[in-house]
Amino acid sequence: MDTKITVLPVNPDLEKAKKRQDDFYTTCEKIRAAWDAKGYTGDPIIYLFSAVQGMSVFKP
């Protein structure tokens, strides 16, 4: 049984995107932890995105 393993070339753009994604998730976790520590309810990330979207819709 021949099994070939294909190794994809390293793409610096994909590595940067993965790093940004990891940073985003880490930041979201920190925001949620602070939100919970203050006793707030709901998901702060959803509120944040909703606010940014609302600001972009109603900008002059």
C-alpha atoms as a PDB file:
ATOM      1  CA  MET A   1       0.000   0.000   0.000  1.00  0.00           C
ATOM      2  CA  ASP A   2       1.619   3.237  -1.168  1.00  0.00           C
ATOM      3  CA  THR A   3       0.677   6.287   0.813  1.00  0.00           C
ATOM      4  CA  LYS A   4       1.991   9.637  -0.336  1.00  0.00           C
ATOM      5  CA  ILE A   5       2.023  12.614   1.950  1.00  0.00           C
ATOM      6  CA  THR A   6       1.803  15.972   0.258  1.00  0.00           C
ATOM      7  CA  VAL A   7       3.372  18.891   2.073  1.00  0.00           C
ATOM      8  CA  LEU A   8       1.969  22.251   1.082  1.00  0.00           C
ATOM      9  CA  PRO A   9       4.394  25.127   0.581  1.00  0.00           C
ATOM     10  CA  VAL A  10       4.588  27.688   3.354  1.00  0.00           C
ATOM     11  CA  ASN A  11       2.723  30.848   2.449  1.00  0.00           C
ATOM     12  CA  PRO A  12       3.660  33.897   4.564  1.00  0.00           C
ATOM     13  CA  ASP A  13       0.258  35.493   3.924  1.00  0.00           C
ATOM     14  CA  LEU A  14      -1.519  32.449   5.330  1.00  0.00           C
ATOM     15  CA  GLU A  15       0.755  32.495   8.364  1.00  0.00           C
ATOM     16  CA  LYS A  16      -0.041  36.185   8.950  1.00  0.00           C
ATOM     17  CA  ALA A  17      -3.766  35.517   8.579  1.00  0.00           C
ATOM     18  CA  LYS A  18      -3.539  32.628  11.059  1.00  0.00           C
ATOM     19  CA  LYS A  19      -1.665  34.863  13.536  1.00  0.00           C
ATOM     20  CA  ARG A  20      -4.305  37.603  13.204  1.00  0.00           C
ATOM     21  CA  GLN A  21      -7.067  35.046  13.705  1.00  0.00           C
ATOM     22  CA  ASP A  22      -5.372  33.680  16.831  1.00  0.00           C
ATOM     23  CA  ASP A  23      -4.926  37.241  18.152  1.00  0.00           C
ATOM     24  CA  PHE A  24      -8.607  37.956  17.499  1.00  0.00           C
ATOM     25  CA  TYR A  25      -9.731  34.854  19.387  1.00  0.00           C
ATOM     26  CA  THR A  26      -7.410  35.639  22.302  1.00  0.00           C
ATOM     27  CA  THR A  27      -8.710  39.196  22.493  1.00  0.00           C
ATOM     28  CA  CYS A  28     -12.320  37.987  22.377  1.00  0.00           C
ATOM     29  CA  GLU A  29     -11.628  35.611  25.260  1.00  0.00           C
ATOM     30  CA  LYS A  30     -10.119  38.448  27.312  1.00  0.00           C
ATOM     31  CA  ILE A  31     -13.087  40.728  26.584  1.00  0.00           C
ATOM     32  CA  ARG A  32     -15.552  37.992  27.551  1.00  0.00           C
ATOM     33  CA  ALA A  33     -13.639  37.294  30.782  1.00  0.00           C
ATOM     34  CA  ALA A  34     -13.680  40.991  31.730  1.00  0.00           C
ATOM     35  CA  TRP A  35     -17.359  41.224  30.796  1.00  0.00           C
ATOM     36  CA  ASP A  36     -18.176  38.238  33.040  1.00  0.00           C
ATOM     37  CA  ALA A  37     -16.054  39.631  35.880  1.00  0.00           C
ATOM     38  CA  LYS A  38     -18.150  42.807  35.838  1.00  0.00           C
ATOM     39  CA  GLY A  39     -21.346  40.752  35.990  1.00  0.00           C
ATOM     40  CA  TYR A  40     -22.717  41.807  32.611  1.00  0.00           C
ATOM     41  CA  THR A  41     -24.914  39.440  30.630  1.00  0.00           C
ATOM     42  CA  GLY A  42     -24.905  38.681  26.939  1.00  0.00           C
ATOM     43  CA  ASP A  43     -22.058  38.366  24.471  1.00  0.00           C
ATOM     44  CA  PRO A  44     -19.896  41.504  24.281  1.00  0.00           C
ATOM     45  CA  ILE A  45     -18.428  40.525  20.915  1.00  0.00           C
ATOM     46  CA  ILE A  46     -21.876  40.455  19.302  1.00  0.00           C
ATOM     47  CA  TYR A  47     -22.682  43.837  20.877  1.00  0.00           C
ATOM     48  CA  LEU A  48     -19.385  45.238  19.603  1.00  0.00           C
ATOM     49  CA  PHE A  49     -19.941  44.039  16.050  1.00  0.00           C
ATOM     50  CA  SER A  50     -23.524  45.301  16.083  1.00  0.00           C
ATOM     51  CA  ALA A  51     -22.347  48.730  17.232  1.00  0.00           C
ATOM     52  CA  VAL A  52     -19.645  48.928  14.553  1.00  0.00           C
ATOM     53  CA  GLN A  53     -22.112  47.829  11.896  1.00  0.00           C
ATOM     54  CA  GLY A  54     -24.645  50.406  13.087  1.00  0.00           C
ATOM     55  CA  MET A  55     -22.028  53.160  12.981  1.00  0.00           C
ATOM     56  CA  SER A  56     -21.032  52.244   9.436  1.00  0.00           C
ATOM     57  CA  VAL A  57     -24.653  52.233   8.254  1.00  0.00           C
ATOM     58  CA  PHE A  58     -25.457  55.655   9.684  1.00  0.00           C
ATOM     59  CA  LYS A  59     -22.198  57.462   8.928  1.00  0.00           C
ATOM     60  CA  PRO A  60     -22.544  60.697   6.934  1.00  0.00           C
END
